[in-house]
Amino acid sequence: MRAESLSVKKSMAASRYGAGLSVIRLTITGAVSLASLFVLCWAGAVATDVRLSHMFIELFTMAPIGSVTALAEGACWSFLFGALSGLLISFTYNLLSFLDTEGEAS
């Protein structure tokens, strides 16, 4: 009986304050999204002469823009920075959950 009441209290607390964002899921999402964007920009830079793609690639690597080294190095760094961004966003969001009012759903 006591375990049931504890379970009910946890359930009520979760529904009251929201479950929050999954730290792992958002970390992976950020990593995959930014790495995918990097690969798309690298392909665009190789196929065209759009300067914007070149500048995005230069954020993550100093290798020549069209090289395979730039693709490999930049994809790794963008994956890591995307993971860090997702991690920081989820932690910050969950830390600020106290700002939710009682009647709002997150």
Protein backbone atom coordinates (compact mmCIF):
# COMPACT_ATOMS: atom_id res chain seq x y z
CA MET A 1 0.00 0.00 0.00
CA ARG A 2 2.79 2.38 0.86
CA ALA A 3 4.57 1.72 -2.47
CA GLU A 4 1.35 2.58 -4.31
CA SER A 5 1.01 5.93 -2.54
CA LEU A 6 4.65 6.75 -3.31
CA SER A 7 4.04 5.87 -6.95
CA VAL A 8 0.96 8.08 -7.04
CA LYS A 9 2.89 10.98 -5.50
CA LYS A 10 5.67 10.62 -8.08
CA SER A 11 3.12 10.48 -10.87
CA MET A 12 1.38 13.61 -9.61
CA ALA A 13 4.71 15.45 -9.29
CA ALA A 14 5.71 14.47 -12.83
CA SER A 15 2.41 15.66 -14.26
CA ARG A 16 2.52 18.86 -12.24
CA TYR A 17 6.04 19.89 -13.21
CA GLY A 18 6.31 18.14 -16.55
CA ALA A 19 8.69 15.36 -17.36
CA GLY A 20 11.32 17.71 -18.79
CA LEU A 21 13.49 17.10 -21.80
CA SER A 22 15.44 13.89 -22.20
CA VAL A 23 19.10 14.85 -21.87
CA ILE A 24 20.36 11.85 -23.83
CA ARG A 25 17.82 12.25 -26.64
CA LEU A 26 18.50 15.96 -27.10
CA THR A 27 22.28 15.42 -26.96
CA ILE A 28 22.08 12.81 -29.72
CA THR A 29 19.65 14.96 -31.71
CA GLY A 30 21.98 17.96 -31.59
CA ALA A 31 24.98 15.87 -32.58
CA VAL A 32 23.32 14.17 -35.54
CA SER A 33 21.61 17.35 -36.73
CA LEU A 34 24.74 19.49 -36.77
CA ALA A 35 26.87 16.76 -38.33
CA SER A 36 24.22 16.25 -41.05
CA LEU A 37 24.10 19.98 -41.72
CA PHE A 38 27.89 20.02 -42.01
CA VAL A 39 27.88 17.16 -44.54
CA LEU A 40 25.18 18.93 -46.60
CA CYS A 41 27.15 22.18 -46.58
CA TRP A 42 30.35 20.34 -47.53
CA ALA A 43 28.54 18.71 -50.47
CA GLY A 44 27.17 22.12 -51.46
CA ALA A 45 30.61 23.69 -51.25
CA VAL A 46 32.10 20.96 -53.43
CA ALA A 47 29.31 21.20 -56.02
CA THR A 48 28.92 25.00 -56.10
CA ASP A 49 30.83 28.12 -55.20
CA VAL A 50 28.43 29.41 -52.53
CA ARG A 51 30.50 31.33 -50.01
CA LEU A 52 28.07 30.73 -47.14
CA SER A 53 28.77 26.98 -47.21
CA HIS A 54 32.50 27.67 -47.15
CA MET A 55 32.18 29.85 -44.07
CA PHE A 56 30.17 27.20 -42.19
CA ILE A 57 32.78 24.55 -43.02
CA GLU A 58 35.54 26.85 -41.80
CA LEU A 59 33.90 26.90 -38.35
CA PHE A 60 34.90 23.27 -37.85
CA THR A 61 38.08 22.67 -39.89
CA MET A 62 41.08 24.43 -41.36
CA ALA A 63 41.53 21.79 -44.09
CA PRO A 64 40.93 22.76 -47.74
CA ILE A 65 37.16 23.07 -48.28
CA GLY A 66 36.63 20.34 -50.88
CA SER A 67 38.96 17.76 -49.35
CA VAL A 68 37.97 14.50 -47.72
CA THR A 69 40.01 15.62 -44.71
CA ALA A 70 37.70 18.61 -44.32
CA LEU A 71 34.69 16.30 -44.49
CA ALA A 72 36.03 13.86 -41.89
CA GLU A 73 37.47 16.42 -39.50
CA GLY A 74 34.54 18.80 -39.79
CA ALA A 75 31.94 16.06 -39.37
CA CYS A 76 33.64 14.90 -36.17
CA TRP A 77 33.92 18.40 -34.70
CA SER A 78 30.38 19.37 -35.70
CA PHE A 79 29.10 16.13 -34.14
CA LEU A 80 30.86 16.99 -30.86
CA PHE A 81 29.70 20.61 -30.83
CA GLY A 82 26.16 19.54 -31.70
CA ALA A 83 26.20 17.09 -28.80
CA LEU A 84 27.48 19.80 -26.47
CA SER A 85 24.76 22.19 -27.66
CA GLY A 86 22.03 19.62 -27.15
CA LEU A 87 23.36 18.79 -23.71
CA LEU A 88 23.48 22.43 -22.63
CA ILE A 89 19.99 23.15 -24.00
CA SER A 90 18.43 20.18 -22.21
CA PHE A 91 20.18 20.93 -18.91
CA THR A 92 19.20 24.59 -19.06
CA TYR A 93 15.60 23.78 -19.99
CA ASN A 94 15.27 21.28 -17.16
CA LEU A 95 16.94 23.62 -14.65
CA LEU A 96 14.45 26.35 -15.51
CA SER A 97 11.44 24.06 -15.04
CA PHE A 98 10.65 25.85 -11.76
CA LEU A 99 9.42 28.78 -13.87
CA ASP A 100 6.41 26.73 -15.03
CA THR A 101 3.24 27.75 -13.30
CA GLU A 102 0.97 25.16 -11.79
CA GLY A 103 -1.71 25.42 -14.49
CA GLU A 104 0.59 25.36 -17.54
CA ALA A 105 1.55 22.25 -19.43
CA SER A 106 5.11 22.06 -20.73
